[in-house]
Amino acid sequence: MSCCSEEISQEMWKEVDSVIERHRDTPGALITVLREAQNVVGWFPQVLIEYIAKGMNIPASDVFGVVSFYSLFSLKPKGRNSIKVCTGTACYVKGAREVIGRISGEFGIAEGETTEDRRFDLEGVRCVGACGLAPAMVVDGDVHGDVTADSVLKILEKYS
């Protein structure tokens, strides 16, 4: 199978084809297919949802239902670098909101948004499990502690 879309390159379509082919005949494999497809494309535009549905021989509404239900899947484009600022109690009282405000002001995005150049997406999350490092921020799996509104931009310079 192959398809076209400005948002998805031919190389990405080939990888998605490979994912579908590996799991097509495995009962209950939809979440695995979606996780692997999102790792390739980064999010789920409608054309990808329809493509996966056709490839897995299931209704597109079923695929959309799973994608929209689970928070690990995204219906909006994500950035190359995912910023998650902890807003749990310890982080909140130590300045997490100010950190988010600084990121928002610098990059012109609010929580749940992605920069126009798709460099970053920003999320406030309830806990990252690093209360001793409060306020904590995770960028692409890298945990940063004692983050302040003054230090956050320097940290983000490392991510292009």
C-alpha atoms as a PDB file:
ATOM      1  CA  MET A   1       0.000   0.000   0.000  1.00  0.00           C
ATOM      2  CA  SER A   2       1.124   3.534  -0.573  1.00  0.00           C
ATOM      3  CA  CYS A   3      -0.502   6.909  -0.236  1.00  0.00           C
ATOM      4  CA  CYS A   4       0.248  10.545  -0.498  1.00  0.00           C
ATOM      5  CA  SER A   5       0.027  13.530   1.788  1.00  0.00           C
ATOM      6  CA  GLU A   6       2.092  16.680   2.099  1.00  0.00           C
ATOM      7  CA  GLU A   7       2.486  16.016   5.828  1.00  0.00           C
ATOM      8  CA  ILE A   8       3.751  12.465   5.396  1.00  0.00           C
ATOM      9  CA  SER A   9       6.779  11.652   3.248  1.00  0.00           C
ATOM     10  CA  GLN A  10       7.019   8.618   0.973  1.00  0.00           C
ATOM     11  CA  GLU A  11       9.625   7.190   3.366  1.00  0.00           C
ATOM     12  CA  MET A  12       7.174   7.519   6.260  1.00  0.00           C
ATOM     13  CA  TRP A  13       4.428   5.812   4.251  1.00  0.00           C
ATOM     14  CA  LYS A  14       6.794   2.899   3.573  1.00  0.00           C
ATOM     15  CA  GLU A  15       7.537   2.579   7.288  1.00  0.00           C
ATOM     16  CA  VAL A  16       3.821   2.685   8.128  1.00  0.00           C
ATOM     17  CA  ASP A  17       3.228  -0.015   5.483  1.00  0.00           C
ATOM     18  CA  SER A  18       5.854  -2.149   7.200  1.00  0.00           C
ATOM     19  CA  VAL A  19       4.194  -1.650  10.599  1.00  0.00           C
ATOM     20  CA  ILE A  20       0.784  -2.616   9.223  1.00  0.00           C
ATOM     21  CA  GLU A  21       2.207  -5.630   7.401  1.00  0.00           C
ATOM     22  CA  ARG A  22       3.933  -6.926  10.564  1.00  0.00           C
ATOM     23  CA  HIS A  23       0.765  -6.718  12.654  1.00  0.00           C
ATOM     24  CA  ARG A  24      -2.128  -7.049  10.196  1.00  0.00           C
ATOM     25  CA  ASP A  25      -3.055 -10.597  11.188  1.00  0.00           C
ATOM     26  CA  THR A  26      -2.415 -10.237  14.925  1.00  0.00           C
ATOM     27  CA  PRO A  27      -5.630  -9.951  16.951  1.00  0.00           C
ATOM     28  CA  GLY A  28      -5.677  -6.900  19.226  1.00  0.00           C
ATOM     29  CA  ALA A  29      -2.654  -5.293  17.551  1.00  0.00           C
ATOM     30  CA  LEU A  30      -4.239  -1.895  16.850  1.00  0.00           C
ATOM     31  CA  ILE A  31      -2.614  -0.073  19.778  1.00  0.00           C
ATOM     32  CA  THR A  32       0.785  -1.499  18.815  1.00  0.00           C
ATOM     33  CA  VAL A  33       0.263  -0.377  15.210  1.00  0.00           C
ATOM     34  CA  LEU A  34      -0.809   3.091  16.352  1.00  0.00           C
ATOM     35  CA  ARG A  35       2.144   3.462  18.720  1.00  0.00           C
ATOM     36  CA  GLU A  36       4.617   2.436  16.021  1.00  0.00           C
ATOM     37  CA  ALA A  37       2.926   4.615  13.383  1.00  0.00           C
ATOM     38  CA  GLN A  38       3.034   7.629  15.701  1.00  0.00           C
ATOM     39  CA  ASN A  39       6.751   6.986  16.260  1.00  0.00           C
ATOM     40  CA  VAL A  40       7.162   7.281  12.484  1.00  0.00           C
ATOM     41  CA  VAL A  41       4.838  10.202  11.685  1.00  0.00           C
ATOM     42  CA  GLY A  42       4.595  11.970  15.040  1.00  0.00           C
ATOM     43  CA  TRP A  43       0.814  12.404  15.076  1.00  0.00           C
ATOM     44  CA  PHE A  44      -2.396  11.231  13.408  1.00  0.00           C
ATOM     45  CA  PRO A  45      -3.730  13.349  10.553  1.00  0.00           C
ATOM     46  CA  GLN A  46      -7.053  12.038   9.217  1.00  0.00           C
ATOM     47  CA  VAL A  47      -5.405  10.542   6.131  1.00  0.00           C
ATOM     48  CA  LEU A  48      -3.201   8.354   8.352  1.00  0.00           C
ATOM     49  CA  ILE A  49      -6.158   7.183  10.438  1.00  0.00           C
ATOM     50  CA  GLU A  50      -7.998   6.158   7.263  1.00  0.00           C
ATOM     51  CA  TYR A  51      -4.888   4.503   5.856  1.00  0.00           C
ATOM     52  CA  ILE A  52      -4.303   2.404   8.979  1.00  0.00           C
ATOM     53  CA  ALA A  53      -7.982   1.451   9.088  1.00  0.00           C
ATOM     54  CA  LYS A  54      -7.866   0.255   5.495  1.00  0.00           C
ATOM     55  CA  GLY A  55      -4.605  -1.619   6.058  1.00  0.00           C
ATOM     56  CA  MET A  56      -5.892  -3.318   9.220  1.00  0.00           C
ATOM     57  CA  ASN A  57      -9.315  -3.948   7.643  1.00  0.00           C
ATOM     58  CA  ILE A  58     -11.230  -2.189  10.412  1.00  0.00           C
ATOM     59  CA  PRO A  59     -13.525   0.864  10.374  1.00  0.00           C
ATOM     60  CA  ALA A  60     -11.794   4.261  10.504  1.00  0.00           C
ATOM     61  CA  SER A  61     -14.174   5.166  13.330  1.00  0.00           C
ATOM     62  CA  ASP A  62     -12.623   2.389  15.451  1.00  0.00           C
ATOM     63  CA  VAL A  63      -9.118   3.714  14.782  1.00  0.00           C
ATOM     64  CA  PHE A  64     -10.204   7.287  15.539  1.00  0.00           C
ATOM     65  CA  GLY A  65     -11.904   6.095  18.729  1.00  0.00           C
ATOM     66  CA  VAL A  66      -8.673   4.570  20.028  1.00  0.00           C
ATOM     67  CA  VAL A  67      -6.496   7.513  18.942  1.00  0.00           C
ATOM     68  CA  SER A  68      -8.816  10.060  20.547  1.00  0.00           C
ATOM     69  CA  PHE A  69      -9.303   8.037  23.760  1.00  0.00           C
ATOM     70  CA  TYR A  70      -5.677   7.442  24.768  1.00  0.00           C
ATOM     71  CA  SER A  71      -3.597  10.458  25.755  1.00  0.00           C
ATOM     72  CA  LEU A  72      -0.414   8.892  24.419  1.00  0.00           C
ATOM     73  CA  PHE A  73      -1.738   9.444  20.880  1.00  0.00           C
ATOM     74  CA  SER A  74      -1.932  12.875  19.286  1.00  0.00           C
ATOM     75  CA  LEU A  75      -4.354  14.291  16.733  1.00  0.00           C
ATOM     76  CA  LYS A  76      -2.221  17.443  16.476  1.00  0.00           C
ATOM     77  CA  PRO A  77       1.295  17.796  15.094  1.00  0.00           C
ATOM     78  CA  LYS A  78       3.958  17.408  17.757  1.00  0.00           C
ATOM     79  CA  GLY A  79       7.316  19.110  17.895  1.00  0.00           C
ATOM     80  CA  ARG A  80      10.630  17.405  17.269  1.00  0.00           C
ATOM     81  CA  ASN A  81      11.266  18.029  20.962  1.00  0.00           C
ATOM     82  CA  SER A  82       8.583  17.417  23.555  1.00  0.00           C
ATOM     83  CA  ILE A  83       8.687  19.636  26.658  1.00  0.00           C
ATOM     84  CA  LYS A  84       6.812  18.372  29.711  1.00  0.00           C
ATOM     85  CA  VAL A  85       6.834  20.695  32.716  1.00  0.00           C
ATOM     86  CA  CYS A  86       5.709  19.106  35.959  1.00  0.00           C
ATOM     87  CA  THR A  87       2.829  20.962  37.609  1.00  0.00           C
ATOM     88  CA  GLY A  88       2.489  18.623  40.593  1.00  0.00           C
ATOM     89  CA  THR A  89       2.374  20.200  44.044  1.00  0.00           C
ATOM     90  CA  ALA A  90       6.135  20.330  44.739  1.00  0.00           C
ATOM     91  CA  CYS A  91       6.930  21.714  41.290  1.00  0.00           C
ATOM     92  CA  TYR A  92       3.978  24.094  41.306  1.00  0.00           C
ATOM     93  CA  VAL A  93       4.939  25.775  44.581  1.00  0.00           C
ATOM     94  CA  LYS A  94       8.547  26.090  43.417  1.00  0.00           C
ATOM     95  CA  GLY A  95       7.702  27.941  40.198  1.00  0.00           C
ATOM     96  CA  ALA A  96       6.486  25.554  37.494  1.00  0.00           C
ATOM     97  CA  ARG A  97       3.914  28.102  36.256  1.00  0.00           C
ATOM     98  CA  GLU A  98       6.661  30.698  35.799  1.00  0.00           C
ATOM     99  CA  VAL A  99       8.715  28.172  33.807  1.00  0.00           C
ATOM    100  CA  ILE A 100       5.739  27.452  31.548  1.00  0.00           C
ATOM    101  CA  GLY A 101       5.103  31.184  31.202  1.00  0.00           C
ATOM    102  CA  ARG A 102       8.692  31.802  30.117  1.00  0.00           C
ATOM    103  CA  ILE A 103       8.545  29.026  27.516  1.00  0.00           C
ATOM    104  CA  SER A 104       5.171  30.277  26.273  1.00  0.00           C
ATOM    105  CA  GLY A 105       6.414  33.840  25.987  1.00  0.00           C
ATOM    106  CA  GLU A 106       9.653  32.927  24.238  1.00  0.00           C
ATOM    107  CA  PHE A 107       8.211  30.477  21.721  1.00  0.00           C
ATOM    108  CA  GLY A 108       4.669  31.809  21.317  1.00  0.00           C
ATOM    109  CA  ILE A 109       2.911  28.615  22.375  1.00  0.00           C
ATOM    110  CA  ALA A 110       0.529  27.690  25.161  1.00  0.00           C
ATOM    111  CA  GLU A 111       0.244  24.322  26.850  1.00  0.00           C
ATOM    112  CA  GLY A 112      -0.908  21.707  24.360  1.00  0.00           C
ATOM    113  CA  GLU A 113       0.511  23.620  21.392  1.00  0.00           C
ATOM    114  CA  THR A 114       3.428  23.169  19.019  1.00  0.00           C
ATOM    115  CA  THR A 115       5.713  25.871  17.644  1.00  0.00           C
ATOM    116  CA  GLU A 116       5.128  26.772  13.991  1.00  0.00           C
ATOM    117  CA  ASP A 117       8.520  25.330  13.027  1.00  0.00           C
ATOM    118  CA  ARG A 118       7.632  22.144  14.968  1.00  0.00           C
ATOM    119  CA  ARG A 119      10.752  22.499  17.095  1.00  0.00           C
ATOM    120  CA  PHE A 120       8.875  22.179  20.405  1.00  0.00           C
ATOM    121  CA  ASP A 121       5.561  21.133  21.836  1.00  0.00           C
ATOM    122  CA  LEU A 122       4.663  22.095  25.399  1.00  0.00           C
ATOM    123  CA  GLU A 123       2.687  20.219  28.033  1.00  0.00           C
ATOM    124  CA  GLY A 124       2.042  20.790  31.690  1.00  0.00           C
ATOM    125  CA  VAL A 125       1.856  17.352  33.316  1.00  0.00           C
ATOM    126  CA  ARG A 126       0.680  16.358  36.793  1.00  0.00           C
ATOM    127  CA  CYS A 127       3.848  14.564  37.887  1.00  0.00           C
ATOM    128  CA  VAL A 128       7.105  13.365  36.362  1.00  0.00           C
ATOM    129  CA  GLY A 129       8.201  11.448  39.453  1.00  0.00           C
ATOM    130  CA  ALA A 130      11.073  13.777  40.282  1.00  0.00           C
ATOM    131  CA  CYS A 131       9.700  15.726  43.252  1.00  0.00           C
ATOM    132  CA  GLY A 132      13.157  16.019  44.816  1.00  0.00           C
ATOM    133  CA  LEU A 133      14.276  17.974  41.743  1.00  0.00           C
ATOM    134  CA  ALA A 134      11.340  20.413  41.782  1.00  0.00           C
ATOM    135  CA  PRO A 135      10.580  22.194  39.651  1.00  0.00           C
ATOM    136  CA  ALA A 136      11.243  19.481  37.093  1.00  0.00           C
ATOM    137  CA  MET A 137      10.980  19.425  33.322  1.00  0.00           C
ATOM    138  CA  VAL A 138      11.397  16.546  30.894  1.00  0.00           C
ATOM    139  CA  VAL A 139      12.550  17.198  27.332  1.00  0.00           C
ATOM    140  CA  ASP A 140      12.611  14.158  25.059  1.00  0.00           C
ATOM    141  CA  GLY A 141      13.027  11.884  28.065  1.00  0.00           C
ATOM    142  CA  ASP A 142      15.841  13.949  29.620  1.00  0.00           C
ATOM    143  CA  VAL A 143      14.939  15.031  33.158  1.00  0.00           C
ATOM    144  CA  HIS A 144      16.026  18.533  34.202  1.00  0.00           C
ATOM    145  CA  GLY A 145      15.722  19.593  37.829  1.00  0.00           C
ATOM    146  CA  ASP A 146      15.693  22.911  39.674  1.00  0.00           C
ATOM    147  CA  VAL A 147      14.446  24.572  36.492  1.00  0.00           C
ATOM    148  CA  THR A 148      13.633  28.263  36.785  1.00  0.00           C
ATOM    149  CA  ALA A 149      12.173  30.866  34.467  1.00  0.00           C
ATOM    150  CA  ASP A 150      15.731  32.193  34.172  1.00  0.00           C
ATOM    151  CA  SER A 151      17.406  28.839  33.394  1.00  0.00           C
ATOM    152  CA  VAL A 152      14.835  27.182  31.145  1.00  0.00           C
ATOM    153  CA  LEU A 153      15.811  28.891  27.879  1.00  0.00           C
ATOM    154  CA  LYS A 154      19.467  27.918  28.332  1.00  0.00           C
ATOM    155  CA  ILE A 155      18.388  24.300  28.833  1.00  0.00           C
ATOM    156  CA  LEU A 156      16.235  24.386  25.689  1.00  0.00           C
ATOM    157  CA  GLU A 157      19.122  25.716  23.557  1.00  0.00           C
ATOM    158  CA  LYS A 158      20.484  22.153  23.542  1.00  0.00           C
ATOM    159  CA  TYR A 159      17.481  20.909  21.593  1.00  0.00           C
ATOM    160  CA  SER A 160      17.302  21.852  17.931  1.00  0.00           C
END
